[in-house]
């Protein structure tokens, strides 16, 4: 009886670890980027909405490159979202108090994607805190909208262009 219990435990362990191995084989990253223009006319200490043009996804091509298709994608999460100032090149994020990014599609409700509050950096790049929301329907869509809400802590004398680099972790089913 003891040997059957050991054999069953070993089988169960191998089964569970092999499922993780299969998930690892079917997991890949998708990257997208967009630009955010923060106007010099934005008010201080009040949240300002920035609506950007739709971000066209190249998800179908990336699914195909990873030998899968949208119908097999079972889990998409935001892995990282980095903001970097592209213009003016010498500007740092000292002017920014907080930033929140939201994602939506024409068929899906808006949800928060990432954020950072109480920003105290003197660099031109920041990592946002990613939410753990499932993003399958957003990444499978042909395009999605990113809405940004920023709060400034100092006056801008010139518009600032910020590049948002998004990396998504995608897991697909084998069949």
N, C-alpha and C. Protein backbone atom coordinates (compact mmCIF):
# COMPACT_ATOMS: atom_id res chain seq x y z
N UNK A 1 0.81 -1.20 0.00
CA UNK A 1 0.00 0.00 0.00
C UNK A 1 0.86 1.26 0.00
N UNK A 2 1.94 1.21 0.76
CA UNK A 2 2.83 2.36 0.85
C UNK A 2 3.48 2.66 -0.51
N UNK A 3 3.83 1.60 -1.25
CA UNK A 3 4.46 1.81 -2.56
C UNK A 3 3.47 2.40 -3.56
N UNK A 4 2.18 2.06 -3.44
CA UNK A 4 1.17 2.64 -4.32
C UNK A 4 1.00 4.13 -4.03
N UNK A 5 1.05 4.48 -2.75
CA UNK A 5 0.94 5.88 -2.37
C UNK A 5 2.13 6.68 -2.89
N UNK A 6 3.32 6.10 -2.79
CA UNK A 6 4.53 6.77 -3.30
C UNK A 6 4.45 6.90 -4.81
N UNK A 7 4.02 5.84 -5.49
CA UNK A 7 3.90 5.88 -6.96
C UNK A 7 2.88 6.92 -7.39
N UNK A 8 1.74 6.98 -6.69
CA UNK A 8 0.71 7.96 -7.01
C UNK A 8 1.23 9.38 -6.78
N UNK A 9 1.92 9.59 -5.68
CA UNK A 9 2.48 10.91 -5.37
C UNK A 9 3.49 11.33 -6.43
N UNK A 10 4.34 10.40 -6.85
CA UNK A 10 5.32 10.68 -7.90
C UNK A 10 4.62 11.02 -9.21
N UNK A 11 3.59 10.25 -9.57
CA UNK A 11 2.83 10.51 -10.79
C UNK A 11 2.19 11.90 -10.74
N UNK A 12 1.56 12.22 -9.60
CA UNK A 12 0.92 13.52 -9.43
C UNK A 12 1.94 14.65 -9.55
N UNK A 13 3.10 14.50 -8.93
CA UNK A 13 4.16 15.51 -9.02
C UNK A 13 4.61 15.70 -10.46
N UNK A 14 4.86 14.60 -11.17
CA UNK A 14 5.30 14.70 -12.57
C UNK A 14 4.23 15.35 -13.44
N UNK A 15 2.98 15.00 -13.19
CA UNK A 15 1.89 15.58 -13.97
C UNK A 15 1.81 17.09 -13.76
N UNK A 16 1.87 17.53 -12.52
CA UNK A 16 1.77 18.96 -12.22
C UNK A 16 2.97 19.75 -12.75
N UNK A 17 4.17 19.20 -12.64
CA UNK A 17 5.34 19.92 -13.15
C UNK A 17 5.37 19.92 -14.67
N UNK A 18 4.85 18.87 -15.30
CA UNK A 18 4.84 18.85 -16.77
C UNK A 18 3.86 19.88 -17.30
N UNK A 19 2.75 20.13 -16.58
CA UNK A 19 1.81 21.18 -17.00
C UNK A 19 2.49 22.55 -16.98
N UNK A 20 3.30 22.81 -15.96
CA UNK A 20 4.05 24.07 -15.90
C UNK A 20 5.03 24.16 -17.06
N UNK A 21 5.67 23.04 -17.40
CA UNK A 21 6.62 23.03 -18.51
C UNK A 21 5.92 23.33 -19.83
N UNK A 22 4.72 22.76 -20.03
CA UNK A 22 3.95 23.02 -21.24
C UNK A 22 3.55 24.49 -21.30
N UNK A 23 3.08 25.05 -20.16
CA UNK A 23 2.74 26.48 -20.11
C UNK A 23 3.93 27.35 -20.46
N UNK A 24 5.12 26.98 -19.96
CA UNK A 24 6.34 27.75 -20.28
C UNK A 24 6.63 27.73 -21.77
N UNK A 25 6.39 26.58 -22.42
CA UNK A 25 6.62 26.48 -23.86
C UNK A 25 5.63 27.33 -24.66
N UNK A 26 4.45 27.52 -24.11
CA UNK A 26 3.40 28.26 -24.81
C UNK A 26 3.25 29.69 -24.29
N UNK A 27 4.28 30.18 -23.61
CA UNK A 27 4.27 31.54 -23.09
C UNK A 27 5.29 32.38 -23.85
N UNK A 28 4.87 33.57 -24.26
CA UNK A 28 5.76 34.46 -24.99
C UNK A 28 5.37 35.90 -24.67
N UNK A 29 6.15 36.85 -25.14
CA UNK A 29 5.91 38.27 -24.88
C UNK A 29 5.50 39.00 -26.14
N UNK A 30 4.64 39.98 -25.97
CA UNK A 30 4.25 40.89 -27.05
C UNK A 30 4.60 42.30 -26.57
N UNK A 31 5.19 43.08 -27.45
CA UNK A 31 5.55 44.46 -27.12
C UNK A 31 4.76 45.43 -27.99
N UNK A 32 4.34 46.52 -27.38
CA UNK A 32 3.68 47.62 -28.10
C UNK A 32 4.19 48.93 -27.53
N UNK A 33 4.14 49.96 -28.32
CA UNK A 33 4.51 51.28 -27.79
C UNK A 33 3.59 52.34 -28.37
N UNK A 34 3.50 53.42 -27.63
CA UNK A 34 2.70 54.56 -28.05
C UNK A 34 3.34 55.81 -27.46
N UNK A 35 2.95 56.97 -27.97
CA UNK A 35 3.47 58.24 -27.46
C UNK A 35 2.36 59.02 -26.79
N UNK A 36 2.73 59.73 -25.74
CA UNK A 36 1.82 60.56 -24.97
C UNK A 36 2.37 61.98 -25.00
N UNK A 37 1.55 62.94 -25.40
CA UNK A 37 2.00 64.33 -25.40
C UNK A 37 1.34 65.07 -24.24
N UNK A 38 2.16 65.55 -23.32
CA UNK A 38 1.67 66.31 -22.17
C UNK A 38 1.84 67.79 -22.53
N UNK A 39 0.74 68.49 -22.60
CA UNK A 39 0.73 69.88 -23.04
C UNK A 39 1.25 70.82 -21.95
N UNK A 40 1.92 71.85 -22.38
CA UNK A 40 2.44 72.85 -21.44
C UNK A 40 1.32 73.63 -20.77
N UNK A 41 0.11 73.54 -21.32
CA UNK A 41 -1.03 74.25 -20.76
C UNK A 41 -1.77 73.44 -19.69
N UNK A 42 -1.25 72.26 -19.36
CA UNK A 42 -1.91 71.41 -18.36
C UNK A 42 -1.86 72.08 -16.99
N UNK A 43 -2.97 71.99 -16.24
CA UNK A 43 -2.99 72.64 -14.92
C UNK A 43 -2.15 71.88 -13.88
N UNK A 44 -1.70 72.58 -12.87
CA UNK A 44 -0.90 71.97 -11.80
C UNK A 44 -1.84 71.43 -10.73
N UNK A 45 -1.49 70.27 -10.19
CA UNK A 45 -2.22 69.60 -9.09
C UNK A 45 -3.65 69.21 -9.42
N UNK A 46 -4.01 69.20 -10.69
CA UNK A 46 -5.32 68.71 -11.11
C UNK A 46 -5.11 67.63 -12.15
N UNK A 47 -5.84 66.52 -12.03
CA UNK A 47 -5.69 65.46 -13.04
C UNK A 47 -6.11 65.96 -14.43
N UNK A 48 -5.30 65.66 -15.42
CA UNK A 48 -5.57 66.04 -16.80
C UNK A 48 -5.65 64.76 -17.63
N UNK A 49 -6.69 64.69 -18.45
CA UNK A 49 -6.90 63.52 -19.30
C UNK A 49 -6.19 63.72 -20.63
N UNK A 50 -5.52 62.68 -21.10
CA UNK A 50 -4.88 62.72 -22.41
C UNK A 50 -5.41 61.53 -23.20
N UNK A 51 -6.15 61.81 -24.24
CA UNK A 51 -6.71 60.76 -25.07
C UNK A 51 -5.82 60.65 -26.30
N UNK A 52 -5.37 59.44 -26.57
CA UNK A 52 -4.45 59.23 -27.68
C UNK A 52 -5.14 58.47 -28.79
N UNK A 53 -4.57 58.48 -29.99
CA UNK A 53 -5.16 57.69 -31.07
C UNK A 53 -5.07 56.20 -30.71
N UNK A 54 -5.92 55.40 -31.38
CA UNK A 54 -5.92 53.96 -31.14
C UNK A 54 -4.54 53.38 -31.38
N UNK A 55 -4.18 52.39 -30.58
CA UNK A 55 -2.94 51.65 -30.77
C UNK A 55 -3.30 50.41 -31.59
N UNK A 56 -2.73 50.30 -32.77
CA UNK A 56 -2.99 49.14 -33.61
C UNK A 56 -2.11 48.00 -33.12
N UNK A 57 -2.74 46.86 -32.88
CA UNK A 57 -1.97 45.71 -32.40
C UNK A 57 -1.49 44.92 -33.60
N UNK A 58 -0.35 44.30 -33.43
CA UNK A 58 0.13 43.35 -34.42
C UNK A 58 0.07 41.96 -33.80
N UNK A 59 -0.94 41.77 -32.94
CA UNK A 59 -1.08 40.54 -32.17
C UNK A 59 -1.21 39.31 -33.05
N UNK A 60 -2.03 39.39 -34.10
CA UNK A 60 -2.24 38.21 -34.95
C UNK A 60 -0.92 37.73 -35.53
N UNK A 61 -0.09 38.65 -36.00
CA UNK A 61 1.22 38.27 -36.55
C UNK A 61 2.11 37.70 -35.45
N UNK A 62 2.08 38.30 -34.27
CA UNK A 62 2.91 37.79 -33.17
C UNK A 62 2.40 36.44 -32.67
N UNK A 63 1.09 36.23 -32.67
CA UNK A 63 0.55 34.91 -32.31
C UNK A 63 1.05 33.88 -33.32
N UNK A 64 0.97 34.24 -34.60
CA UNK A 64 1.40 33.32 -35.66
C UNK A 64 2.90 33.02 -35.55
N UNK A 65 3.72 34.04 -35.26
CA UNK A 65 5.16 33.83 -35.08
C UNK A 65 5.47 32.89 -33.93
N UNK A 66 4.56 32.83 -32.95
CA UNK A 66 4.74 31.94 -31.80
C UNK A 66 3.90 30.67 -31.93
N UNK A 67 3.50 30.38 -33.18
CA UNK A 67 2.80 29.14 -33.53
C UNK A 67 1.51 28.94 -32.75
N UNK A 68 0.73 30.01 -32.65
CA UNK A 68 -0.58 29.94 -32.02
C UNK A 68 -1.51 30.90 -32.74
N UNK A 69 -2.73 31.02 -32.27
CA UNK A 69 -3.69 31.97 -32.83
C UNK A 69 -4.53 32.55 -31.71
N UNK A 70 -5.22 33.62 -31.99
CA UNK A 70 -5.97 34.35 -30.95
C UNK A 70 -6.95 33.46 -30.20
N UNK A 71 -7.58 32.53 -30.90
CA UNK A 71 -8.57 31.67 -30.24
C UNK A 71 -7.95 30.76 -29.18
N UNK A 72 -6.63 30.55 -29.25
CA UNK A 72 -5.96 29.68 -28.27
C UNK A 72 -5.33 30.46 -27.11
N UNK A 73 -5.32 31.78 -27.22
CA UNK A 73 -4.74 32.58 -26.15
C UNK A 73 -5.65 32.51 -24.93
N UNK A 74 -5.07 32.13 -23.78
CA UNK A 74 -5.89 31.97 -22.58
C UNK A 74 -5.58 32.97 -21.48
N UNK A 75 -4.41 33.61 -21.55
CA UNK A 75 -4.05 34.52 -20.47
C UNK A 75 -3.07 35.57 -20.98
N UNK A 76 -3.43 36.84 -20.81
CA UNK A 76 -2.54 37.95 -21.17
C UNK A 76 -2.48 38.89 -19.97
N UNK A 77 -1.28 39.20 -19.53
CA UNK A 77 -1.08 40.14 -18.42
C UNK A 77 0.00 41.13 -18.82
N UNK A 78 -0.12 42.33 -18.29
CA UNK A 78 0.92 43.33 -18.52
C UNK A 78 2.11 42.99 -17.65
N UNK A 79 3.25 42.85 -18.28
CA UNK A 79 4.47 42.48 -17.56
C UNK A 79 5.25 43.71 -17.12
N UNK A 80 5.31 44.72 -18.01
CA UNK A 80 6.00 45.96 -17.66
C UNK A 80 5.48 47.10 -18.53
N UNK A 81 5.53 48.29 -17.96
CA UNK A 81 5.19 49.50 -18.70
C UNK A 81 6.18 50.57 -18.28
N UNK A 82 7.04 50.95 -19.22
CA UNK A 82 8.07 51.96 -18.95
C UNK A 82 7.74 53.23 -19.71
N UNK A 83 7.87 54.33 -19.03
CA UNK A 83 7.71 55.64 -19.67
C UNK A 83 9.07 56.29 -19.79
N UNK A 84 9.34 56.86 -20.97
CA UNK A 84 10.60 57.59 -21.16
C UNK A 84 10.30 58.86 -21.94
N UNK A 85 10.98 59.93 -21.58
CA UNK A 85 10.76 61.21 -22.24
C UNK A 85 11.58 61.23 -23.53
N UNK A 86 10.87 61.44 -24.64
CA UNK A 86 11.58 61.49 -25.93
C UNK A 86 11.81 62.93 -26.40
N UNK A 87 10.99 63.88 -25.93
CA UNK A 87 11.18 65.27 -26.32
C UNK A 87 10.62 66.18 -25.24
N UNK A 88 11.35 67.13 -24.75
CA UNK A 88 12.76 67.43 -25.00
C UNK A 88 13.66 66.39 -24.32
N UNK A 89 14.76 66.11 -24.96
CA UNK A 89 15.64 65.02 -24.53
C UNK A 89 16.30 65.27 -23.17
N UNK A 90 16.42 66.51 -22.75
CA UNK A 90 17.08 66.80 -21.46
C UNK A 90 16.08 66.90 -20.30
N UNK A 91 14.80 66.67 -20.54
CA UNK A 91 13.76 66.79 -19.51
C UNK A 91 13.73 65.53 -18.63
N UNK A 92 13.42 65.70 -17.36
CA UNK A 92 13.25 64.58 -16.43
C UNK A 92 11.81 64.59 -15.90
N UNK A 93 11.42 63.53 -15.19
CA UNK A 93 10.06 63.42 -14.69
C UNK A 93 9.82 64.18 -13.38
N UNK A 94 10.66 65.15 -13.05
CA UNK A 94 10.46 65.92 -11.82
C UNK A 94 9.17 66.73 -11.84
N UNK A 95 8.62 67.00 -13.02
CA UNK A 95 7.38 67.77 -13.16
C UNK A 95 6.13 66.95 -12.87
N UNK A 96 6.27 65.64 -12.84
CA UNK A 96 5.11 64.75 -12.77
C UNK A 96 4.83 64.28 -11.35
N UNK A 97 3.59 64.44 -10.92
CA UNK A 97 3.18 63.99 -9.59
C UNK A 97 2.61 62.57 -9.64
N UNK A 98 1.75 62.29 -10.64
CA UNK A 98 1.19 60.95 -10.78
C UNK A 98 0.77 60.72 -12.23
N UNK A 99 0.68 59.44 -12.57
CA UNK A 99 0.24 59.04 -13.91
C UNK A 99 -0.54 57.72 -13.79
N UNK A 100 -1.66 57.66 -14.50
CA UNK A 100 -2.49 56.45 -14.55
C UNK A 100 -2.82 56.19 -16.02
N UNK A 101 -2.64 54.95 -16.47
CA UNK A 101 -2.98 54.58 -17.84
C UNK A 101 -4.11 53.57 -17.82
N UNK A 102 -5.06 53.77 -18.74
CA UNK A 102 -6.24 52.91 -18.84
C UNK A 102 -6.31 52.35 -20.26
N UNK A 103 -6.87 51.15 -20.40
CA UNK A 103 -7.00 50.51 -21.70
C UNK A 103 -8.47 50.18 -21.95
N UNK A 104 -8.90 50.29 -23.22
CA UNK A 104 -10.26 49.93 -23.60
C UNK A 104 -10.28 49.58 -25.08
N UNK A 105 -11.35 48.93 -25.49
CA UNK A 105 -11.62 48.69 -26.91
C UNK A 105 -13.06 49.11 -27.15
N UNK A 106 -13.48 49.09 -28.40
CA UNK A 106 -14.87 49.45 -28.71
C UNK A 106 -15.83 48.42 -28.12
N UNK A 107 -15.36 47.18 -27.90
CA UNK A 107 -16.22 46.12 -27.37
C UNK A 107 -16.01 45.84 -25.89
N UNK A 108 -15.02 46.46 -25.26
CA UNK A 108 -14.70 46.15 -23.87
C UNK A 108 -14.63 47.41 -23.02
N UNK A 109 -15.00 47.24 -21.78
CA UNK A 109 -14.95 48.36 -20.83
C UNK A 109 -13.52 48.79 -20.56
N UNK A 110 -13.38 50.00 -20.10
CA UNK A 110 -12.07 50.54 -19.74
C UNK A 110 -11.63 49.99 -18.37
N UNK A 111 -10.36 49.58 -18.30
CA UNK A 111 -9.78 49.14 -17.03
C UNK A 111 -8.42 49.80 -16.86
N UNK A 112 -7.99 49.91 -15.61
CA UNK A 112 -6.67 50.50 -15.36
C UNK A 112 -5.59 49.51 -15.75
N UNK A 113 -4.59 50.01 -16.45
CA UNK A 113 -3.50 49.19 -16.95
C UNK A 113 -2.28 49.30 -16.04
N UNK A 114 -1.89 50.51 -15.69
CA UNK A 114 -0.71 50.74 -14.86
C UNK A 114 -0.78 52.14 -14.27
N UNK A 115 0.01 52.37 -13.22
CA UNK A 115 -0.02 53.67 -12.55
C UNK A 115 1.27 53.89 -11.77
N UNK A 116 1.45 55.14 -11.35
CA UNK A 116 2.52 55.51 -10.41
C UNK A 116 2.06 56.80 -9.75
N UNK A 117 2.04 56.80 -8.43
CA UNK A 117 1.67 57.99 -7.65
C UNK A 117 2.89 58.48 -6.89
N UNK A 118 2.83 59.73 -6.46
CA UNK A 118 3.92 60.33 -5.68
C UNK A 118 5.28 60.11 -6.34
N UNK A 119 5.38 60.49 -7.58
CA UNK A 119 6.62 60.30 -8.36
C UNK A 119 7.69 61.24 -7.84
N UNK A 120 8.81 60.67 -7.48
CA UNK A 120 9.93 61.45 -6.91
C UNK A 120 11.23 61.14 -7.64
N UNK A 121 11.20 61.05 -8.93
CA UNK A 121 12.40 60.68 -9.68
C UNK A 121 13.00 61.89 -10.37
N UNK A 122 14.30 61.82 -10.60
CA UNK A 122 15.00 62.88 -11.32
C UNK A 122 15.58 62.34 -12.63
N UNK A 123 15.02 61.23 -13.10
CA UNK A 123 15.49 60.63 -14.35
C UNK A 123 14.45 60.86 -15.45
N UNK A 124 14.81 60.47 -16.66
CA UNK A 124 13.88 60.63 -17.78
C UNK A 124 13.16 59.31 -18.12
N UNK A 125 13.19 58.34 -17.18
CA UNK A 125 12.53 57.06 -17.39
C UNK A 125 11.94 56.59 -16.06
N UNK A 126 10.70 56.08 -16.12
CA UNK A 126 10.09 55.50 -14.92
C UNK A 126 9.37 54.20 -15.28
N UNK A 127 9.33 53.29 -14.33
CA UNK A 127 8.56 52.05 -14.45
C UNK A 127 7.25 52.26 -13.70
N UNK A 128 6.16 51.93 -14.35
CA UNK A 128 4.87 52.04 -13.70
C UNK A 128 4.53 50.73 -12.99
N UNK A 129 3.62 50.81 -12.03
CA UNK A 129 3.14 49.62 -11.34
C UNK A 129 2.03 49.03 -12.19
N UNK A 130 2.20 47.79 -12.61
CA UNK A 130 1.23 47.12 -13.48
C UNK A 130 0.11 46.50 -12.65
N UNK A 131 -1.12 46.62 -13.12
CA UNK A 131 -2.22 45.93 -12.47
C UNK A 131 -2.18 44.46 -12.91
N UNK A 132 -2.90 43.61 -12.21
CA UNK A 132 -2.88 42.18 -12.56
C UNK A 132 -4.12 41.77 -13.34
N UNK A 133 -4.74 42.71 -14.02
CA UNK A 133 -5.96 42.45 -14.78
C UNK A 133 -5.66 41.56 -15.99
N UNK A 134 -6.65 40.71 -16.34
CA UNK A 134 -6.55 39.90 -17.56
C UNK A 134 -6.82 40.79 -18.76
N UNK A 135 -5.94 40.73 -19.74
CA UNK A 135 -6.02 41.64 -20.88
C UNK A 135 -6.27 40.91 -22.20
N UNK A 136 -6.73 39.67 -22.14
CA UNK A 136 -6.92 38.85 -23.33
C UNK A 136 -7.73 39.57 -24.42
N UNK A 137 -8.92 40.06 -24.05
CA UNK A 137 -9.80 40.65 -25.07
C UNK A 137 -9.24 41.95 -25.65
N UNK A 138 -8.38 42.64 -24.91
CA UNK A 138 -7.78 43.88 -25.40
C UNK A 138 -6.67 43.59 -26.40
N UNK A 139 -5.83 42.61 -26.09
CA UNK A 139 -4.70 42.29 -26.96
C UNK A 139 -5.15 41.51 -28.20
N UNK A 140 -6.23 40.75 -28.09
CA UNK A 140 -6.75 40.02 -29.25
C UNK A 140 -7.43 40.95 -30.25
N UNK A 141 -7.85 42.13 -29.80
CA UNK A 141 -8.54 43.08 -30.67
C UNK A 141 -7.57 43.66 -31.70
N UNK A 142 -8.12 44.19 -32.79
CA UNK A 142 -7.29 44.81 -33.83
C UNK A 142 -6.61 46.07 -33.33
N UNK A 143 -7.27 46.77 -32.41
CA UNK A 143 -6.69 47.98 -31.83
C UNK A 143 -7.31 48.22 -30.46
N UNK A 144 -6.64 49.03 -29.68
CA UNK A 144 -7.19 49.41 -28.38
C UNK A 144 -6.85 50.86 -28.13
N UNK A 145 -7.56 51.45 -27.17
CA UNK A 145 -7.34 52.84 -26.81
C UNK A 145 -6.60 52.88 -25.48
N UNK A 146 -5.67 53.81 -25.37
CA UNK A 146 -4.99 54.08 -24.11
C UNK A 146 -5.37 55.50 -23.70
N UNK A 147 -5.93 55.63 -22.51
CA UNK A 147 -6.25 56.95 -21.97
C UNK A 147 -5.29 57.16 -20.80
N UNK A 148 -4.71 58.33 -20.76
CA UNK A 148 -3.74 58.66 -19.72
C UNK A 148 -4.27 59.80 -18.87
N UNK A 149 -4.08 59.66 -17.58
CA UNK A 149 -4.44 60.73 -16.65
C UNK A 149 -3.17 61.12 -15.90
N UNK A 150 -2.75 62.37 -16.04
CA UNK A 150 -1.54 62.86 -15.38
C UNK A 150 -1.89 64.00 -14.43
N UNK A 151 -1.11 64.10 -13.37
CA UNK A 151 -1.19 65.23 -12.46
C UNK A 151 0.21 65.82 -12.38
N UNK A 152 0.32 67.11 -12.69
CA UNK A 152 1.62 67.78 -12.69
C UNK A 152 1.86 68.45 -11.34
N UNK A 153 3.12 68.55 -10.96
CA UNK A 153 3.45 69.29 -9.74
C UNK A 153 4.23 70.57 -10.03
N UNK A 154 4.53 70.81 -11.29
CA UNK A 154 5.15 72.07 -11.68
C UNK A 154 4.73 72.44 -13.09
N UNK A 155 4.82 73.70 -13.40
CA UNK A 155 4.42 74.21 -14.71
C UNK A 155 5.40 73.78 -15.79
N UNK A 156 4.84 73.37 -16.92
CA UNK A 156 5.68 73.03 -18.07
C UNK A 156 5.77 74.25 -18.98
N UNK A 157 6.97 74.57 -19.41
CA UNK A 157 7.15 75.69 -20.33
C UNK A 157 7.10 75.23 -21.79
N UNK A 158 7.11 73.93 -21.98
CA UNK A 158 7.13 73.34 -23.32
C UNK A 158 6.40 72.01 -23.26
N UNK A 159 5.73 71.61 -24.34
CA UNK A 159 5.09 70.29 -24.39
C UNK A 159 6.14 69.20 -24.20
N UNK A 160 5.73 68.11 -23.55
CA UNK A 160 6.63 66.99 -23.30
C UNK A 160 6.04 65.75 -23.96
N UNK A 161 6.84 65.07 -24.77
CA UNK A 161 6.42 63.83 -25.41
C UNK A 161 7.05 62.67 -24.66
N UNK A 162 6.18 61.73 -24.25
CA UNK A 162 6.59 60.58 -23.47
C UNK A 162 6.28 59.32 -24.27
N UNK A 163 7.26 58.43 -24.33
CA UNK A 163 7.06 57.14 -25.02
C UNK A 163 6.69 56.10 -23.97
N UNK A 164 5.63 55.34 -24.23
CA UNK A 164 5.20 54.26 -23.34
C UNK A 164 5.52 52.93 -24.00
N UNK A 165 6.42 52.16 -23.39
CA UNK A 165 6.78 50.82 -23.87
C UNK A 165 6.06 49.79 -23.01
N UNK A 166 5.18 49.01 -23.65
CA UNK A 166 4.39 48.01 -22.94
C UNK A 166 4.84 46.61 -23.33
N UNK A 167 5.02 45.75 -22.35
CA UNK A 167 5.35 44.35 -22.61
C UNK A 167 4.29 43.48 -21.95
N UNK A 168 3.68 42.63 -22.77
CA UNK A 168 2.61 41.75 -22.30
C UNK A 168 3.11 40.30 -22.30
N UNK A 169 2.75 39.57 -21.27
CA UNK A 169 3.06 38.13 -21.18
C UNK A 169 1.81 37.39 -21.66
N UNK A 170 1.99 36.53 -22.67
CA UNK A 170 0.87 35.81 -23.28
C UNK A 170 1.08 34.31 -23.07
N UNK A 171 0.02 33.63 -22.63
CA UNK A 171 0.04 32.18 -22.51
C UNK A 171 -1.10 31.64 -23.36
N UNK A 172 -0.79 30.63 -24.18
CA UNK A 172 -1.79 30.05 -25.08
C UNK A 172 -2.00 28.58 -24.75
N UNK A 173 -3.16 28.05 -25.13
CA UNK A 173 -3.44 26.62 -25.01
C UNK A 173 -2.78 25.91 -26.18
N UNK A 174 -2.39 24.62 -25.99
CA UNK A 174 -1.71 23.91 -27.08
C UNK A 174 -2.64 23.55 -28.23
N UNK A 175 -3.94 23.41 -27.98
CA UNK A 175 -4.87 22.97 -29.05
C UNK A 175 -6.04 23.88 -29.15
